[in-house]
Protein backbone atom coordinates (compact mmCIF):
# COMPACT_ATOMS: atom_id res chain seq x y z
CA UNK A 1 33.83 -34.62 -16.71
CA UNK A 2 30.53 -36.47 -16.32
CA UNK A 3 29.40 -39.03 -18.87
CA UNK A 4 25.83 -38.87 -20.16
CA UNK A 5 23.60 -41.64 -18.79
CA UNK A 6 22.92 -43.96 -21.72
CA UNK A 7 20.01 -46.20 -22.76
CA UNK A 8 20.91 -49.84 -23.29
CA UNK A 9 19.56 -50.24 -26.85
CA UNK A 10 21.77 -49.45 -29.82
CA UNK A 11 19.12 -47.21 -31.34
CA UNK A 12 15.97 -45.75 -29.86
CA UNK A 13 14.20 -44.65 -33.04
CA UNK A 14 11.41 -47.27 -32.86
CA UNK A 15 10.92 -46.70 -29.15
CA UNK A 16 10.66 -42.94 -29.67
CA UNK A 17 8.14 -43.47 -32.48
CA UNK A 18 6.09 -45.79 -30.32
CA UNK A 19 6.08 -43.69 -27.11
CA UNK A 20 6.00 -40.27 -28.71
CA UNK A 21 5.49 -37.61 -26.00
CA UNK A 22 6.40 -40.05 -23.27
CA UNK A 23 9.71 -41.17 -24.73
CA UNK A 24 12.01 -38.62 -23.04
CA UNK A 25 10.16 -38.44 -19.73
CA UNK A 26 9.83 -42.22 -19.39
CA UNK A 27 13.47 -42.77 -20.17
CA UNK A 28 14.54 -40.01 -17.76
CA UNK A 29 12.54 -41.68 -15.06
CA UNK A 30 14.00 -45.07 -15.75
CA UNK A 31 17.56 -43.71 -15.72
CA UNK A 32 16.83 -41.37 -12.77
CA UNK A 33 18.28 -38.45 -14.73
CA UNK A 34 16.97 -35.42 -16.60
CA UNK A 35 19.55 -35.92 -19.28
CA UNK A 36 20.69 -38.97 -21.27
CA UNK A 37 22.24 -40.02 -24.59
CA UNK A 38 21.01 -42.47 -27.14
CA UNK A 39 20.88 -42.91 -30.91
CA UNK A 40 18.03 -41.70 -33.05
CA UNK A 41 18.03 -42.71 -36.75
CA UNK A 42 21.62 -43.80 -36.16
CA UNK A 43 22.86 -40.48 -34.84
CA UNK A 44 24.09 -39.87 -31.32
CA UNK A 45 21.49 -37.68 -29.59
CA UNK A 46 21.28 -36.15 -26.13
CA UNK A 47 17.78 -35.82 -24.66
CA UNK A 48 16.95 -33.32 -21.90
CA UNK A 49 14.04 -32.04 -19.86
CA UNK A 50 13.42 -29.37 -17.23
CA UNK A 51 13.52 -25.58 -16.89
CA UNK A 52 17.29 -25.27 -16.89
CA UNK A 53 17.60 -27.51 -19.89
CA UNK A 54 15.06 -25.35 -21.69
CA UNK A 55 17.02 -22.19 -20.97
CA UNK A 56 20.13 -23.85 -22.31
CA UNK A 57 18.41 -25.26 -25.36
CA UNK A 58 17.20 -21.83 -26.57
CA UNK A 59 20.65 -20.19 -26.17
CA UNK A 60 21.57 -19.42 -29.80
CA UNK A 61 25.24 -19.15 -28.82
CA UNK A 62 25.36 -22.89 -28.30
CA UNK A 63 22.65 -24.31 -30.59
CA UNK A 64 21.51 -24.00 -34.19
CA UNK A 65 18.35 -25.24 -35.92
CA UNK A 66 19.29 -24.85 -39.58
CA UNK A 67 19.04 -28.19 -41.43
CA UNK A 68 18.24 -30.00 -38.17
CA UNK A 69 14.58 -30.95 -38.84
CA UNK A 70 14.30 -34.12 -40.95
CA UNK A 71 12.86 -33.80 -44.42
CA UNK A 72 9.93 -35.89 -43.27
CA UNK A 73 9.00 -32.97 -41.00
CA UNK A 74 9.94 -30.10 -43.36
CA UNK A 75 8.00 -31.53 -46.22
CA UNK A 76 4.80 -31.70 -44.22
CA UNK A 77 4.75 -29.56 -41.08
CA UNK A 78 7.27 -26.70 -41.52
CA UNK A 79 7.91 -26.42 -45.22
CA UNK A 80 11.32 -25.48 -46.67
CA UNK A 81 12.79 -22.02 -46.11
CA UNK A 82 10.69 -21.17 -43.02
CA UNK A 83 11.73 -19.42 -39.86
CA UNK A 84 12.19 -22.73 -38.03
CA UNK A 85 15.35 -23.41 -40.06
CA UNK A 86 17.04 -20.07 -39.59
CA UNK A 87 19.70 -19.03 -37.03
CA UNK A 88 21.33 -15.87 -35.72
CA UNK A 89 20.41 -12.43 -36.93
CA UNK A 90 18.42 -13.81 -39.88
CA UNK A 91 16.30 -15.83 -37.53
CA UNK A 92 15.74 -12.90 -35.09
CA UNK A 93 14.75 -10.57 -37.98
CA UNK A 94 12.28 -13.11 -39.48
CA UNK A 95 10.91 -13.96 -36.04
CA UNK A 96 10.18 -10.27 -35.43
CA UNK A 97 7.81 -10.35 -38.38
CA UNK A 98 5.81 -13.12 -36.55
CA UNK A 99 6.00 -11.35 -33.21
CA UNK A 100 4.54 -8.20 -34.75
CA UNK A 101 1.30 -10.16 -35.06
CA UNK A 102 1.25 -11.17 -31.38
CA UNK A 103 0.10 -7.76 -30.06
CA UNK A 104 -3.07 -7.54 -27.99
CA UNK A 105 -5.06 -5.92 -30.71
CA UNK A 106 -4.19 -8.58 -33.30
CA UNK A 107 -4.87 -11.48 -30.92
CA UNK A 108 -8.17 -9.98 -29.84
CA UNK A 109 -9.26 -9.68 -33.44
CA UNK A 110 -8.45 -13.30 -34.09
CA UNK A 111 -10.36 -14.29 -30.93
CA UNK A 112 -13.37 -12.24 -32.02
CA UNK A 113 -13.41 -13.86 -35.40
CA UNK A 114 -13.15 -17.32 -33.81
CA UNK A 115 -16.01 -16.66 -31.40
CA UNK A 116 -18.13 -15.51 -34.31
CA UNK A 117 -17.40 -18.74 -36.22
CA UNK A 118 -18.21 -20.78 -33.12
CA UNK A 119 -21.66 -19.14 -32.95
CA UNK A 120 -22.39 -19.79 -36.63
CA UNK A 121 -21.20 -23.36 -36.50
CA UNK A 122 -23.19 -24.01 -33.31
CA UNK A 123 -26.35 -23.03 -35.06
CA UNK A 124 -25.56 -25.58 -37.77
CA UNK A 125 -24.68 -28.30 -35.22
CA UNK A 126 -28.06 -27.95 -33.58
CA UNK A 127 -29.67 -29.41 -36.71
CA UNK A 128 -27.26 -32.38 -36.86
CA UNK A 129 -27.74 -35.72 -35.06
CA UNK A 130 -24.09 -35.82 -34.31
CA UNK A 131 -20.81 -34.06 -35.22
CA UNK A 132 -17.09 -34.90 -34.99
CA UNK A 133 -15.91 -32.04 -32.78
CA UNK A 134 -12.26 -32.27 -33.79
CA UNK A 135 -13.05 -32.02 -37.52
CA UNK A 136 -15.51 -29.16 -37.00
CA UNK A 137 -13.08 -27.29 -34.76
CA UNK A 138 -10.31 -27.55 -37.34
CA UNK A 139 -12.55 -26.14 -40.04
CA UNK A 140 -13.95 -23.21 -38.11
CA UNK A 141 -10.59 -22.23 -36.70
CA UNK A 142 -9.15 -22.43 -40.23
CA UNK A 143 -11.92 -20.11 -41.48
CA UNK A 144 -11.22 -17.60 -38.67
CA UNK A 145 -7.42 -17.71 -39.24
CA UNK A 146 -7.83 -17.17 -42.98
CA UNK A 147 -10.15 -14.25 -42.50
CA UNK A 148 -7.76 -12.74 -39.94
CA UNK A 149 -4.88 -13.22 -42.39
CA UNK A 150 -6.70 -11.54 -45.24
CA UNK A 151 -7.36 -14.72 -47.26
CA UNK A 152 -10.77 -14.71 -48.94
CA UNK A 153 -12.17 -18.25 -48.87
CA UNK A 154 -14.86 -19.30 -51.35
CA UNK A 155 -17.67 -21.38 -49.70
CA UNK A 156 -16.97 -24.37 -51.99
CA UNK A 157 -13.30 -24.59 -51.09
CA UNK A 158 -13.44 -24.36 -47.30
CA UNK A 159 -13.65 -28.13 -46.68
CA UNK A 160 -10.84 -29.02 -49.08
CA UNK A 161 -8.48 -26.20 -47.97
CA UNK A 162 -9.12 -26.99 -44.27
CA UNK A 163 -8.42 -30.71 -44.78
CA UNK A 164 -5.19 -29.95 -46.64
CA UNK A 165 -4.01 -27.59 -43.86
CA UNK A 166 -4.90 -30.19 -41.19
CA UNK A 167 -2.95 -32.83 -43.11
CA UNK A 168 0.28 -30.88 -42.59
CA UNK A 169 -0.22 -31.42 -38.86
CA UNK A 170 -1.64 -34.89 -38.89
CA UNK A 171 0.93 -36.47 -41.14
CA UNK A 172 4.11 -34.91 -39.77
CA UNK A 173 6.97 -37.32 -39.53
CA UNK A 174 4.98 -40.11 -41.10
CA UNK A 175 6.29 -42.51 -43.76
CA UNK A 176 4.90 -44.22 -46.80
CA UNK A 177 1.47 -43.31 -48.09
CA UNK A 178 0.67 -41.11 -45.11
CA UNK A 179 3.72 -38.99 -45.77
CA UNK A 180 2.97 -38.83 -49.49
CA UNK A 181 -0.49 -37.48 -48.73
CA UNK A 182 1.02 -34.92 -46.37
CA UNK A 183 3.56 -33.77 -48.98
CA UNK A 184 0.78 -33.48 -51.57
CA UNK A 185 -1.29 -31.40 -49.21
CA UNK A 186 1.77 -29.20 -48.56
CA UNK A 187 2.42 -28.60 -52.23
CA UNK A 188 -1.30 -27.79 -52.92
CA UNK A 189 -1.48 -25.42 -49.94
CA UNK A 190 1.73 -23.57 -50.76
CA UNK A 191 0.77 -23.14 -54.42
CA UNK A 192 -2.62 -21.74 -53.32
CA UNK A 193 -1.19 -19.26 -50.90
CA UNK A 194 1.66 -18.31 -53.24
CA UNK A 195 -0.83 -17.34 -55.94
CA UNK A 196 -2.57 -15.09 -53.44
CA UNK A 197 0.78 -13.47 -52.52
CA UNK A 198 1.51 -12.83 -56.22
CA UNK A 199 -1.83 -11.11 -56.61
CA UNK A 200 -1.13 -8.93 -53.57
CA UNK A 201 2.21 -7.89 -55.08
CA UNK A 202 0.68 -7.25 -58.51
CA UNK A 203 -2.04 -5.21 -56.75
CA UNK A 204 -4.78 -7.42 -58.17
CA UNK A 205 -5.91 -7.88 -54.62
CA UNK A 206 -5.96 -5.13 -51.99
CA UNK A 207 -5.90 -5.81 -48.27
CA UNK A 208 -5.49 -3.62 -45.17
CA UNK A 209 -1.91 -3.02 -44.32
CA UNK A 210 -2.50 -4.60 -40.91
CA UNK A 211 -3.48 -7.97 -42.43
CA UNK A 212 -0.99 -10.91 -42.30
CA UNK A 213 -0.94 -11.12 -46.10
CA UNK A 214 0.17 -7.57 -46.53
CA UNK A 215 2.81 -7.68 -43.78
CA UNK A 216 4.33 -10.88 -45.08
CA UNK A 217 4.05 -10.08 -48.82
CA UNK A 218 6.07 -6.84 -48.35
CA UNK A 219 8.43 -8.08 -45.69
CA UNK A 220 12.08 -7.20 -46.39
CA UNK A 221 15.05 -9.28 -45.25
CA UNK A 222 18.21 -7.92 -43.61
CA UNK A 223 19.50 -6.78 -47.06
CA UNK A 224 16.25 -5.01 -47.82
CA UNK A 225 15.05 -7.60 -50.33
CA UNK A 226 11.58 -9.11 -50.56
CA UNK A 227 11.31 -12.80 -49.82
CA UNK A 228 10.43 -14.95 -52.86
CA UNK A 229 6.68 -15.65 -53.04
CA UNK A 230 7.10 -19.33 -52.17
CA UNK A 231 8.86 -18.54 -48.92
CA UNK A 232 6.21 -15.94 -48.12
CA UNK A 233 3.59 -18.68 -48.61
CA UNK A 234 5.53 -21.04 -46.31
CA UNK A 235 5.58 -18.32 -43.56
CA UNK A 236 1.90 -17.44 -43.95
CA UNK A 237 1.12 -21.16 -43.55
CA UNK A 238 3.38 -21.05 -40.48
CA UNK A 239 0.84 -18.63 -38.97
CA UNK A 240 -2.35 -20.44 -40.04
CA UNK A 241 -1.20 -24.06 -39.44
CA UNK A 242 -0.37 -23.81 -35.73
CA UNK A 243 -3.58 -21.87 -35.20
CA UNK A 244 -5.56 -24.71 -36.81
CA UNK A 245 -3.62 -27.12 -34.52
CA UNK A 246 -5.43 -25.57 -31.53
CA UNK A 247 -8.39 -27.75 -32.55
CA UNK A 248 -6.57 -30.59 -30.74
CA UNK A 249 -6.66 -28.64 -27.52
CA UNK A 250 -10.32 -27.83 -28.08
CA UNK A 251 -11.00 -31.55 -28.34
CA UNK A 252 -8.77 -32.32 -25.30
CA UNK A 253 -10.59 -29.62 -23.32
CA UNK A 254 -13.98 -31.18 -24.26
CA UNK A 255 -12.66 -34.56 -23.11
CA UNK A 256 -11.50 -33.08 -19.84
CA UNK A 257 -14.93 -31.46 -19.27
CA UNK A 258 -16.61 -34.72 -19.97
CA UNK A 259 -14.39 -36.58 -17.47
CA UNK A 260 -14.61 -33.82 -14.86
CA UNK A 261 -18.06 -32.23 -15.26
CA UNK A 262 -17.74 -30.42 -11.97
CA UNK A 263 -15.22 -28.15 -13.66
CA UNK A 264 -17.93 -26.53 -15.85
CA UNK A 265 -19.44 -24.51 -13.02
CA UNK A 266 -16.06 -23.42 -11.77
CA UNK A 267 -15.04 -22.28 -15.21
CA UNK A 268 -18.22 -20.20 -15.52
CA UNK A 269 -17.64 -18.54 -12.14
CA UNK A 270 -13.89 -17.84 -12.22
CA UNK A 271 -11.59 -16.38 -14.82
CA UNK A 272 -8.61 -17.63 -12.82
CA UNK A 273 -9.95 -21.19 -12.79
CA UNK A 274 -10.52 -21.00 -16.53
CA UNK A 275 -6.87 -20.02 -17.04
CA UNK A 276 -5.70 -22.81 -14.79
CA UNK A 277 -7.95 -25.32 -16.51
CA UNK A 278 -6.59 -24.36 -19.94
CA UNK A 279 -3.04 -24.65 -18.76
CA UNK A 280 -3.66 -28.05 -17.21
CA UNK A 281 -5.14 -29.33 -20.49
CA UNK A 282 -2.02 -28.07 -22.26
CA UNK A 283 0.19 -29.86 -19.69
CA UNK A 284 -1.79 -33.10 -19.55
CA UNK A 285 -2.51 -33.52 -23.28
CA UNK A 286 0.71 -32.66 -25.20
CA UNK A 287 0.62 -33.49 -28.90
CA UNK A 288 4.14 -32.59 -30.05
CA UNK A 289 6.80 -34.87 -28.38
CA UNK A 290 9.95 -32.72 -28.47
CA UNK A 291 12.01 -30.12 -30.30
CA UNK A 292 15.46 -30.60 -31.84
CA UNK A 293 18.59 -28.57 -32.31
CA UNK A 294 22.29 -29.18 -33.05
CA UNK A 295 25.26 -28.09 -30.99
CA UNK A 296 26.95 -25.16 -32.68
CA UNK A 297 30.25 -25.30 -30.80
CA UNK A 298 31.86 -27.34 -28.02
CA UNK A 299 30.80 -26.28 -24.54
CA UNK A 300 30.30 -27.67 -21.03
CA UNK A 301 27.17 -27.57 -18.94
CA UNK A 302 26.77 -29.09 -15.48
CA UNK A 303 30.11 -30.95 -16.10
CA UNK A 304 28.65 -32.58 -19.27
CA UNK A 305 30.62 -31.96 -22.51
CA UNK A 306 28.50 -31.05 -25.54
CA UNK A 307 30.41 -31.66 -28.77
CA UNK A 308 29.90 -29.63 -31.91
CA UNK A 309 27.44 -31.35 -34.30
CA UNK A 310 25.68 -33.31 -31.52
CA UNK A 311 21.87 -33.55 -31.87
CA UNK A 312 19.86 -32.48 -28.89
CA UNK A 313 16.22 -33.13 -28.06
CA UNK A 314 14.22 -31.13 -25.52
CA UNK A 315 11.12 -32.65 -23.94
């Protein structure tokens, strides 16, 4: 039985916080291994990277995610009761609700709405001396995602609602005042969406059945019961929030075009080059460092022994 390569420090929490996305890859390089063990927040944790590690990590026979994410993350990014904390049949059933929105027709509709917002925002930008692209991208993508979901935004609430949604991403895993602001934004956003869900169910508001609001509001669990309105709100946010997060890739893409201006002509001339460019931006500018799970039962992989209850990070 092989022993996991180990880092020398007693606990790597501060190092992980400082290095972020580079923590696992840098440590793997230093140890000349794609797997190693350390302690994070005092708990023994195995960190892995690579295609085979990813295949293993997403095997639900060996890993579970329920109650794995720290409260600092749940209270800002994920919310409590969402799909990220489920396992087994319950997870697969809830995930199917999300996957039903990933069809070509739904995605094209979201893309069309986003392109329309870009055009309208661009007209406004022409009258400005300067803009902050990241902030503007978050706001316009938020508008598009809300319209796609069936949420009717009032003009005077767009800025505030967009900032609150963005705070769920920006303040994830933070501590102190930053975390408090993230939690406050989470509570405000959940309450806002929950009220909309209640109106849908009371038929005060009518939306097309194809809209995200309708699908989620009337979603039934494995026992045929409706989810409580708060959980529905959490899941609707789990659709809008990661869509808004794409503003980071928009900004990274703009930076890449600024650094490599010769790419602009190639993008305009080749769909294949555009796809490759986007994928390279995603690879080169990651903004979420790793995902976490917990070992569900003892098992062996590549002569390493994974013990039940062990925390595992995937780069």
